[in-house]
Protein backbone atom coordinates (compact mmCIF):
# COMPACT_ATOMS: atom_id res chain seq x y z
CA MET A 1 87.60 126.64 66.12
CA CYS A 2 87.57 123.14 64.64
CA SER A 3 87.86 122.42 60.96
CA THR A 4 84.73 122.70 58.86
CA HIS A 5 86.22 120.52 56.10
CA SER A 6 87.21 117.52 58.22
CA PRO A 7 87.06 114.09 56.52
CA LEU A 8 86.11 112.68 59.93
CA ALA A 9 83.17 113.57 62.14
CA ILE A 10 82.22 111.26 65.04
CA ASP A 11 79.59 112.29 67.53
CA ILE A 12 80.38 111.57 71.19
CA THR A 13 77.74 112.03 73.84
CA VAL A 14 78.31 112.46 77.56
CA ARG A 15 75.15 111.45 79.50
CA TYR A 16 75.19 112.51 83.15
CA LEU A 17 73.56 110.34 85.78
CA PRO A 18 71.56 111.98 88.61
CA SER A 19 74.46 112.04 91.07
CA GLY A 20 73.79 115.62 92.16
CA GLY A 21 77.44 116.43 92.26
CA GLY A 22 77.73 119.39 89.92
CA ALA A 23 81.51 118.67 89.46
CA ALA A 24 83.47 118.78 86.18
CA LEU A 25 85.45 115.59 86.09
CA PRO A 26 87.70 113.76 83.57
CA VAL A 27 85.95 111.51 81.11
CA TRP A 28 87.22 109.11 78.52
CA THR A 29 86.00 106.66 75.89
CA GLY A 30 87.33 104.39 73.19
CA VAL A 31 86.58 105.37 69.65
CA ALA A 32 86.83 103.13 66.55
CA LEU A 33 88.27 104.61 63.36
CA PRO A 34 88.02 103.25 59.79
CA PRO A 35 91.20 102.08 57.97
CA GLY A 36 93.40 104.88 56.70
CA ALA A 37 91.36 107.67 58.31
CA VAL A 38 93.96 108.82 60.86
CA LYS A 39 97.64 108.22 60.46
CA ASP A 40 98.82 110.70 63.14
CA THR A 41 96.78 111.60 66.24
CA THR A 42 98.12 115.20 66.05
CA SER A 43 95.45 115.80 63.40
CA LEU A 44 92.62 114.84 65.76
CA ARG A 45 90.46 117.51 67.38
CA LEU A 46 87.63 117.35 69.86
CA CYS A 47 84.96 120.04 69.53
CA ASP A 48 81.98 120.96 71.67
CA SER A 49 78.49 121.55 70.36
CA GLY A 50 79.43 125.17 69.53
CA GLY A 51 82.40 124.09 67.35
CA ARG A 52 85.01 125.24 69.85
CA SER A 53 88.09 123.12 70.25
CA VAL A 54 88.26 121.26 73.58
CA GLY A 55 91.57 120.24 74.97
CA GLY A 56 91.73 116.46 74.65
CA GLN A 57 94.25 113.62 74.61
CA PHE A 58 94.30 110.97 71.96
CA ASP A 59 96.10 107.66 72.66
CA VAL A 60 96.24 104.93 70.00
CA LEU A 61 95.26 101.55 71.51
CA ALA A 62 95.40 99.51 68.23
CA ARG A 63 96.35 100.05 64.62
CA TRP A 64 95.29 98.69 61.25
CA ALA A 65 97.64 96.80 58.98
CA ASP A 66 98.50 100.02 57.09
CA GLY A 67 99.61 101.68 60.36
CA SER A 68 96.57 103.99 60.68
CA ALA A 69 94.75 104.27 64.04
CA ARG A 70 92.08 101.59 64.63
CA TRP A 71 91.12 102.34 68.24
CA VAL A 72 91.82 105.64 70.03
CA LEU A 73 91.28 106.46 73.71
CA VAL A 74 89.91 110.00 73.90
CA SER A 75 90.29 111.76 77.27
CA TRP A 76 89.14 115.26 78.31
CA LEU A 77 87.53 117.34 81.03
CA ALA A 78 83.75 117.54 80.51
CA GLY A 79 81.56 120.32 81.94
CA GLY A 80 79.93 118.21 84.56
CA ALA A 81 76.35 117.38 85.54
CA PRO A 82 74.17 120.10 87.06
CA ALA A 83 74.11 120.15 90.84
CA GLU A 84 71.09 118.75 92.60
CA GLY A 85 68.13 121.16 92.13
CA ALA A 86 70.00 123.24 89.51
CA GLU A 87 69.06 123.61 85.85
CA GLY A 88 71.49 122.36 83.26
CA PRO A 89 71.98 119.81 80.47
CA ALA A 90 71.63 116.12 81.31
CA ALA A 91 73.96 115.45 78.37
CA GLU A 92 76.75 117.15 76.40
CA ARG A 93 77.53 116.57 72.75
CA PHE A 94 81.06 116.56 71.32
CA VAL A 95 82.45 115.83 67.86
CA LEU A 96 85.77 114.17 67.10
CA THR A 97 87.24 115.53 63.87
CA ALA A 98 90.56 115.41 62.04
CA ASP A 99 92.30 118.21 60.19
CA ALA A 100 91.80 117.97 56.40
CA ALA A 101 94.77 116.99 54.23
CA GLY A 102 97.03 120.02 53.65
CA GLU A 103 95.25 122.05 56.31
CA ALA A 104 97.48 123.68 58.89
CA PRO A 105 96.67 122.09 62.20
CA ALA A 106 95.03 124.42 64.68
CA PRO A 107 96.61 124.36 68.13
CA ALA A 108 94.48 122.53 70.66
CA PRO A 109 94.05 124.04 74.10
CA ALA A 110 96.77 122.70 76.40
CA PRO A 111 96.14 122.01 80.12
CA LYS A 112 97.41 124.77 82.43
CA LEU A 113 98.85 122.16 84.76
CA PRO A 114 99.89 119.11 82.63
CA ALA A 115 100.11 115.58 84.08
CA SER A 116 103.43 113.80 83.82
CA VAL A 117 105.27 110.65 84.85
CA MET A 118 108.97 110.75 85.67
CA PRO A 119 110.81 107.42 86.35
CA ASP A 120 114.07 107.09 88.34
CA THR A 121 115.99 104.19 89.77
CA HIS A 122 113.71 103.25 92.61
CA ARG A 123 110.38 104.85 91.95
CA TYR A 124 108.09 106.69 89.55
CA LYS A 125 106.99 110.23 90.36
CA VAL A 126 103.56 111.24 89.05
CA SER A 127 102.48 114.88 89.01
CA THR A 128 99.22 116.51 87.90
CA GLY A 129 100.26 120.02 88.75
CA ALA A 130 97.89 119.96 91.72
CA LEU A 131 99.02 116.66 93.21
CA GLU A 132 102.25 114.72 93.34
CA PHE A 133 102.96 111.18 94.53
CA MET A 134 105.39 108.31 94.24
CA LEU A 135 105.00 104.72 93.09
CA ASN A 136 107.86 102.53 94.42
CA ARG A 137 109.58 99.92 92.28
CA HIS A 138 110.43 97.90 95.42
CA GLY A 139 108.31 97.35 98.52
CA PHE A 140 105.18 98.74 96.75
CA ALA A 141 102.89 100.47 99.21
CA GLY A 142 100.43 102.16 96.87
CA LEU A 143 100.54 105.94 96.60
CA THR A 144 103.35 107.31 98.83
CA ASN A 145 104.84 110.68 99.43
CA VAL A 146 101.61 112.42 98.45
CA ARG A 147 101.76 116.16 98.37
CA LEU A 148 99.18 118.82 97.45
CA ASP A 149 99.93 122.11 95.75
CA ALA A 150 98.78 124.65 98.24
CA ASP A 151 100.18 128.03 97.29
CA ALA A 152 101.56 128.08 93.80
CA PRO A 153 100.73 126.11 90.60
CA GLY A 154 103.00 123.07 90.36
CA LYS A 155 104.94 123.92 93.53
CA PHE A 156 104.92 121.37 96.40
CA PRO A 157 106.07 122.16 99.92
CA ALA A 158 109.21 120.15 100.80
CA GLY A 159 108.38 117.53 103.43
CA ASP A 160 104.77 118.50 103.70
CA TYR A 161 103.14 115.12 102.91
CA VAL A 162 99.49 114.13 103.03
CA CYS A 163 100.54 110.47 102.96
CA ARG A 164 103.90 108.88 103.60
CA GLU A 165 105.08 105.31 103.10
CA ALA A 166 103.92 103.39 106.20
CA GLN A 167 103.83 99.80 107.32
CA GLY A 168 100.65 97.98 106.36
CA THR A 169 99.64 100.22 103.42
CA GLY A 170 99.02 99.30 99.84
CA ILE A 171 97.50 95.85 99.06
CA VAL A 172 97.29 93.73 102.20
CA ALA A 173 95.93 90.21 102.41
CA VAL A 174 95.52 87.80 105.40
CA ASP A 175 95.34 84.04 104.51
CA ALA A 176 93.25 81.42 106.29
CA GLU A 177 96.09 80.75 108.73
CA GLY A 178 96.28 84.42 109.76
CA ILE A 179 99.56 85.13 107.83
CA VAL A 180 99.87 88.60 106.33
CA HIS A 181 100.82 88.88 102.70
CA SER A 182 101.28 92.34 101.19
CA SER A 183 102.53 94.27 98.22
CA GLN A 184 105.17 95.76 100.52
CA PHE A 185 106.68 92.34 101.14
CA GLY A 186 106.09 91.16 97.53
CA ARG A 187 108.02 91.64 94.34
CA VAL A 188 107.27 94.23 91.72
CA ASP A 189 107.70 92.45 88.35
CA ARG A 190 107.39 95.50 86.15
CA VAL A 191 106.02 99.04 85.95
CA GLU A 192 104.48 100.23 82.72
CA VAL A 193 103.58 103.79 81.68
CA GLU A 194 100.49 103.15 79.60
CA LEU A 195 99.42 106.75 79.15
CA SER A 196 101.94 109.58 79.44
CA GLY A 197 99.84 112.79 79.45
CA PRO A 198 99.65 115.65 79.18
CA LEU A 199 96.01 115.39 80.26
CA HIS A 200 95.68 111.73 81.32
CA VAL A 201 98.45 109.48 82.68
CA CYS A 202 98.18 105.83 83.58
CA VAL A 203 100.82 103.77 85.32
CA ALA A 204 100.41 99.97 85.74
CA VAL A 205 102.24 98.25 88.59
CA HIS A 206 102.49 94.42 88.17
CA GLY A 207 103.60 92.38 91.18
CA ASP A 208 102.68 89.76 93.79
CA LEU A 209 101.71 89.54 97.44
CA ARG A 210 104.09 87.80 99.81
CA SER A 211 104.59 87.29 103.51
CA ARG A 212 107.84 88.39 105.20
CA ARG A 213 109.44 84.96 104.82
CA SER A 214 107.76 83.61 101.70
CA ALA A 215 109.87 82.85 98.65
CA GLU A 216 106.89 82.92 96.27
CA GLY A 217 103.77 85.03 95.83
CA LEU A 218 100.37 84.10 97.22
CA LEU A 219 98.47 86.16 94.63
CA ASN A 220 99.43 88.30 91.61
CA TYR A 221 98.10 91.83 91.14
CA CYS A 222 98.04 94.63 88.57
CA LEU A 223 97.20 98.11 89.96
CA ARG A 224 96.57 100.74 87.32
CA ILE A 225 96.70 104.36 88.61
CA HIS A 226 95.01 107.00 86.52
CA ALA A 227 95.80 110.69 87.18
CA PHE A 228 94.54 113.78 85.37
CA ALA A 229 95.98 117.24 84.66
CA GLY A 230 95.13 119.89 87.27
CA SER A 231 93.22 117.33 89.40
CA THR A 232 93.68 115.70 92.74
CA LEU A 233 91.32 112.87 91.90
CA ILE A 234 92.94 109.41 91.35
CA ARG A 235 91.23 106.49 89.63
CA ALA A 236 92.58 103.03 90.66
CA VAL A 237 91.79 99.73 88.95
CA LEU A 238 93.09 96.67 90.83
CA THR A 239 93.10 93.17 89.35
CA VAL A 240 93.96 90.31 91.75
CA ARG A 241 94.76 86.88 90.22
CA ASN A 242 95.49 83.40 91.51
CA PRO A 243 98.26 82.14 89.20
CA ARG A 244 97.90 78.45 90.25
CA PRO A 245 96.20 75.91 88.02
CA THR A 246 92.83 74.83 89.26
CA GLY A 247 92.36 71.29 90.44
CA ARG A 248 89.80 68.73 89.27
CA ALA A 249 86.95 67.18 91.18
CA GLU A 250 86.68 63.40 91.47
CA ASP A 251 84.48 63.24 88.38
CA GLY A 252 87.12 65.19 86.41
CA SER A 253 85.12 68.45 86.21
CA ARG A 254 86.81 71.80 86.79
CA LEU A 255 85.57 75.05 88.40
CA VAL A 256 84.36 73.16 91.54
CA LEU A 257 84.93 75.02 94.77
CA GLY A 258 87.32 73.65 97.31
CA GLN A 259 89.76 72.04 94.87
CA SER A 260 93.54 72.17 94.95
CA GLY A 261 95.02 75.42 93.58
CA SER A 262 92.49 77.61 95.51
CA VAL A 263 93.64 80.37 97.85
CA LEU A 264 91.69 80.90 101.00
CA LEU A 265 91.67 84.38 102.48
CA ARG A 266 90.40 86.01 105.68
CA GLU A 267 90.78 89.39 104.07
CA LEU A 268 92.26 91.36 101.17
CA ALA A 269 92.11 95.13 101.43
CA TYR A 270 93.63 98.30 99.99
CA VAL A 271 94.84 100.55 102.75
CA VAL A 272 95.68 104.23 102.70
CA ARG A 273 97.16 105.92 105.78
CA PRO A 274 96.93 109.76 105.65
CA ARG A 275 98.87 111.97 107.96
CA LEU A 276 96.32 113.86 110.09
CA PRO A 277 98.30 115.80 112.72
CA PHE A 278 96.49 119.09 112.51
CA GLY A 279 93.75 119.33 115.15
CA ARG A 280 90.60 117.23 115.55
CA ARG A 281 90.10 114.25 113.25
CA THR A 282 86.69 113.73 111.72
CA VAL A 283 85.13 111.25 109.29
CA THR A 284 82.27 111.77 106.77
CA LEU A 285 80.53 108.63 105.53
CA SER A 286 77.72 108.37 103.00
CA SER A 287 76.37 104.84 102.83
CA GLU A 288 74.04 105.58 99.92
CA PRO A 289 72.48 108.68 98.35
CA GLY A 290 70.44 110.49 101.10
CA LYS A 291 72.29 108.89 104.00
CA LEU A 292 75.12 111.09 105.17
CA HIS A 293 76.98 110.84 108.50
CA ASP A 294 78.76 114.17 108.34
CA ARG A 295 82.00 115.02 110.20
CA ILE A 296 81.76 112.52 112.99
CA PRO A 297 84.57 112.74 115.53
CA LEU A 298 87.04 109.96 114.60
CA THR A 299 87.39 108.49 118.10
CA GLY A 300 86.89 104.89 116.97
CA PRO A 301 86.62 102.77 113.86
CA VAL A 302 83.78 103.54 111.49
CA SER A 303 82.75 101.32 108.54
CA VAL A 304 80.03 100.25 106.16
CA TYR A 305 79.90 96.49 105.46
CA GLN A 306 77.79 94.92 102.71
CA ASP A 307 77.23 91.26 103.57
CA SER A 308 74.80 90.27 100.82
CA SER A 309 73.08 91.68 97.76
CA GLY A 310 70.21 93.27 99.66
CA GLY A 311 67.67 91.79 97.23
CA GLU A 312 64.72 89.57 98.11
CA ASN A 313 66.71 86.50 97.13
CA TRP A 314 69.86 87.46 99.06
CA PHE A 315 69.99 84.04 100.69
CA HIS A 316 69.87 82.08 97.42
CA ARG A 317 71.79 78.77 96.96
CA THR A 318 73.79 80.36 94.15
CA HIS A 319 75.96 81.72 97.00
CA VAL A 320 77.02 78.39 98.52
CA ASN A 321 80.61 77.96 99.50
CA ARG A 322 83.07 75.01 99.09
CA GLU A 323 81.17 73.17 101.89
CA ASN A 324 77.78 73.67 100.18
CA VAL A 325 76.76 76.15 102.89
CA ILE A 326 75.40 79.66 102.32
CA PRO A 327 77.79 81.81 104.50
CA LEU A 328 75.75 84.99 104.31
CA SER A 329 74.68 86.50 107.66
CA PHE A 330 72.12 89.26 106.97
CA ARG A 331 70.42 91.17 104.19
CA GLY A 332 72.08 94.32 102.88
CA TYR A 333 74.60 96.43 104.77
CA ARG A 334 75.34 97.79 108.22
CA VAL A 335 77.09 101.02 109.33
CA ALA A 336 79.17 100.59 112.49
CA TYR A 337 80.74 103.36 114.56
CA ASP A 338 83.06 102.57 117.50
CA GLY A 339 81.71 99.02 117.76
CA ARG A 340 77.94 99.96 117.54
CA THR A 341 75.61 99.56 114.57
CA ILE A 342 74.25 103.03 113.80
CA ASP A 343 72.46 102.44 110.51
CA THR A 344 71.35 99.76 108.12
CA GLY A 345 70.30 99.51 104.56
CA LEU A 346 69.93 97.19 101.53
CA ARG A 347 72.30 98.28 98.77
CA GLY A 348 75.27 100.46 99.74
CA GLN A 349 76.90 103.00 97.43
CA PRO A 350 79.40 104.40 99.85
CA TRP A 351 82.08 107.01 99.98
CA LEU A 352 84.13 108.05 102.97
CA GLU A 353 86.43 110.98 103.86
CA VAL A 354 88.78 111.42 106.79
CA ALA A 355 90.08 114.85 107.64
CA ASP A 356 91.84 117.04 110.19
CA MET A 357 91.97 120.84 110.12
CA ARG A 358 94.22 120.91 107.07
CA TRP A 359 93.94 117.77 104.93
CA ALA A 360 91.14 115.60 103.74
CA VAL A 361 91.38 112.24 101.95
CA GLY A 362 88.34 110.49 100.45
CA LEU A 363 87.63 107.09 98.86
CA ALA A 364 84.64 106.07 96.71
CA ALA A 365 83.99 102.44 95.66
CA PRO A 366 81.68 102.02 92.58
CA GLY A 367 79.86 98.72 92.29
CA PHE A 368 79.97 98.25 96.06
CA TRP A 369 76.86 96.23 96.75
CA GLN A 370 77.09 94.38 93.44
CA ASN A 371 80.49 92.98 94.53
CA PHE A 372 79.43 91.79 97.97
CA PRO A 373 80.86 91.00 100.46
CA LYS A 374 82.67 94.33 100.60
CA SER A 375 83.56 96.94 103.25
CA LEU A 376 84.79 100.50 103.47
CA GLY A 377 85.95 102.07 106.74
CA ALA A 378 88.50 104.09 108.72
CA ASP A 379 90.44 103.37 111.85
CA ALA A 380 90.72 105.75 114.77
CA ASP A 381 94.11 106.92 113.49
CA GLY A 382 92.57 107.83 110.11
CA ALA A 383 93.73 104.83 108.02
CA ILE A 384 91.22 104.13 105.24
CA ARG A 385 90.59 100.47 104.49
CA LEU A 386 88.70 99.22 101.42
CA GLY A 387 87.85 95.61 102.10
CA LEU A 388 87.76 94.01 98.65
CA TRP A 389 87.47 90.62 100.31
CA PRO A 390 86.47 91.90 103.81
CA GLY A 391 87.50 90.54 107.15
CA GLU A 392 83.91 91.00 108.49
CA PHE A 393 82.66 88.12 106.35
CA ALA A 394 81.58 85.06 108.31
CA ASP A 395 83.55 82.65 106.12
CA VAL A 396 86.91 82.65 104.42
CA HIS A 397 87.07 83.89 100.79
CA GLU A 398 88.05 81.44 98.08
CA ILE A 399 89.93 82.50 94.93
CA GLN A 400 90.15 79.46 92.63
CA GLY A 401 93.20 78.60 90.60
CA GLY A 402 93.33 80.72 87.49
CA GLU A 403 90.60 83.06 88.82
CA GLN A 404 90.93 86.80 88.76
CA LYS A 405 88.78 89.75 89.95
CA THR A 406 88.99 93.47 89.14
CA HIS A 407 87.88 96.24 91.50
CA GLU A 408 87.69 99.98 90.79
CA PHE A 409 87.93 102.85 93.31
CA TYR A 410 88.67 106.53 93.48
CA LEU A 411 90.92 108.54 95.86
CA TYR A 412 90.41 112.24 96.34
CA PHE A 413 92.89 114.52 98.12
CA ARG A 414 92.10 118.06 99.10
CA HIS A 415 92.97 121.02 101.34
CA ARG A 416 90.35 121.91 103.89
CA ARG A 417 90.64 125.70 103.25
CA HIS A 418 92.44 126.36 99.98
CA GLY A 419 93.90 124.76 96.87
CA ARG A 420 94.75 125.09 93.20
CA GLY A 421 93.94 123.41 89.88
CA GLU A 422 90.72 122.22 88.41
CA LEU A 423 89.29 120.27 91.34
CA PRO A 424 90.96 120.81 94.73
CA LEU A 425 88.46 123.49 95.82
CA LEU A 426 85.53 121.08 95.47
CA HIS A 427 84.19 119.31 98.54
CA ALA A 428 84.02 115.56 98.66
CA ARG A 429 80.23 115.86 98.65
CA GLN A 430 80.54 117.24 95.11
CA VAL A 431 83.19 114.83 93.72
CA MET A 432 82.54 111.45 95.36
CA PRO A 433 78.90 110.94 94.19
CA VAL A 434 79.99 111.55 90.57
CA CYS A 435 82.67 108.92 90.95
CA LEU A 436 80.01 106.40 92.08
CA GLN A 437 77.73 107.21 89.11
CA ARG A 438 80.09 107.96 86.29
CA PRO A 439 78.85 109.75 83.20
CA MET A 440 78.12 107.49 80.23
CA VAL A 441 80.43 108.43 77.37
CA LEU A 442 79.58 106.89 74.05
CA ALA A 443 80.51 107.48 70.42
CA SER A 444 77.63 107.04 67.97
CA GLY A 445 76.70 103.48 67.04
CA GLU A 446 76.93 104.39 63.39
CA SER A 447 80.62 105.33 63.82
CA TYR A 448 81.43 101.91 65.32
CA ALA A 449 79.56 100.12 62.44
CA ARG A 450 81.32 102.15 59.73
CA SER A 451 84.75 101.63 61.19
CA ARG A 452 84.64 97.81 60.77
CA ALA A 453 86.98 97.65 63.74
């Protein structure tokens, strides 16, 4: 039970959106604290509406001049929204408290399968107890050597990999001349462990994209990988930046398209290549809620491509390119399978999963239609490709000097028939929709005002 004499009591509400998933997923939020309230996060407790202590992780993001915590990131596993058609709360209430001075701290529930990060000379190994993967310091290819815990908690079969390091994986860009630049060819400047567990870990990889023969990077990137105790769900936040200074137009103004310093791309994508050697390969694609193409034989490429916003003003002049031309081709999105259009729509909210008889790997892309043009698809060999600046676009993409863009996506790994931990037994149809419509997690407005942070 939580302390009834706490000097601190901050209400936190988790509001679930109508995703219909029914899955309990990790949640997190930043909480502001007043000066002097919390010197040590070991005194913090998170309680549910019944006063029971909930296992949480508290990471200090900023401190006051006296050394007390100013901003704290609170992470925990919430109960989850009710499944579609089921009764259940649309919101959950929690309270962040602190042990009173002189009060013996009550032990908080610890995760059964803690998350951890272990660095060595060439790579970082991340484990959630249910999932293990590597992040290379050199030749960065995204998540590599991915293994699932199939038979015993925290035990991973030797050599039994869902994903291995493969050519053309990770962050891959093709410039206007058709030259490939990738994170595998580029340099990793640094790797930072920003959150170290035991419930929530975050590793940030900073580097650049280069061609095989380039001596300098085309673009810089920062990929933050979030992993959670007992979970096989990964949150990825990728920021791509053009480090060059932007040029000036003839009249001296800046931020004009087509100036020196801009990088022109045919495509920039994040690529995952699962191993799918066990029987028939299938793909499941949901282009938006209510539109599900379930377990299609993966005999050819399948994709959803959002060309424009899908709104009534999709062909507005605000979308002109450097040549003062609107390069958009059609309204909304199209779903293609083996070279044929099989569906269309206005505003895509897609997720996709490829599978064989043993493994399944899924990817969900929040903010998909809002960040058009964008694409999500899979090749016949099972490689998943998230087109952040997609190759299907009718024009090249321009990233101006000094410009940067951040994209968020989720990866979900599971066994087809069995698994361990908090999440591996859940189907992608339960997990992916919740990733697309994340719960809103907010501390009370009064607590932010009182904190003066």
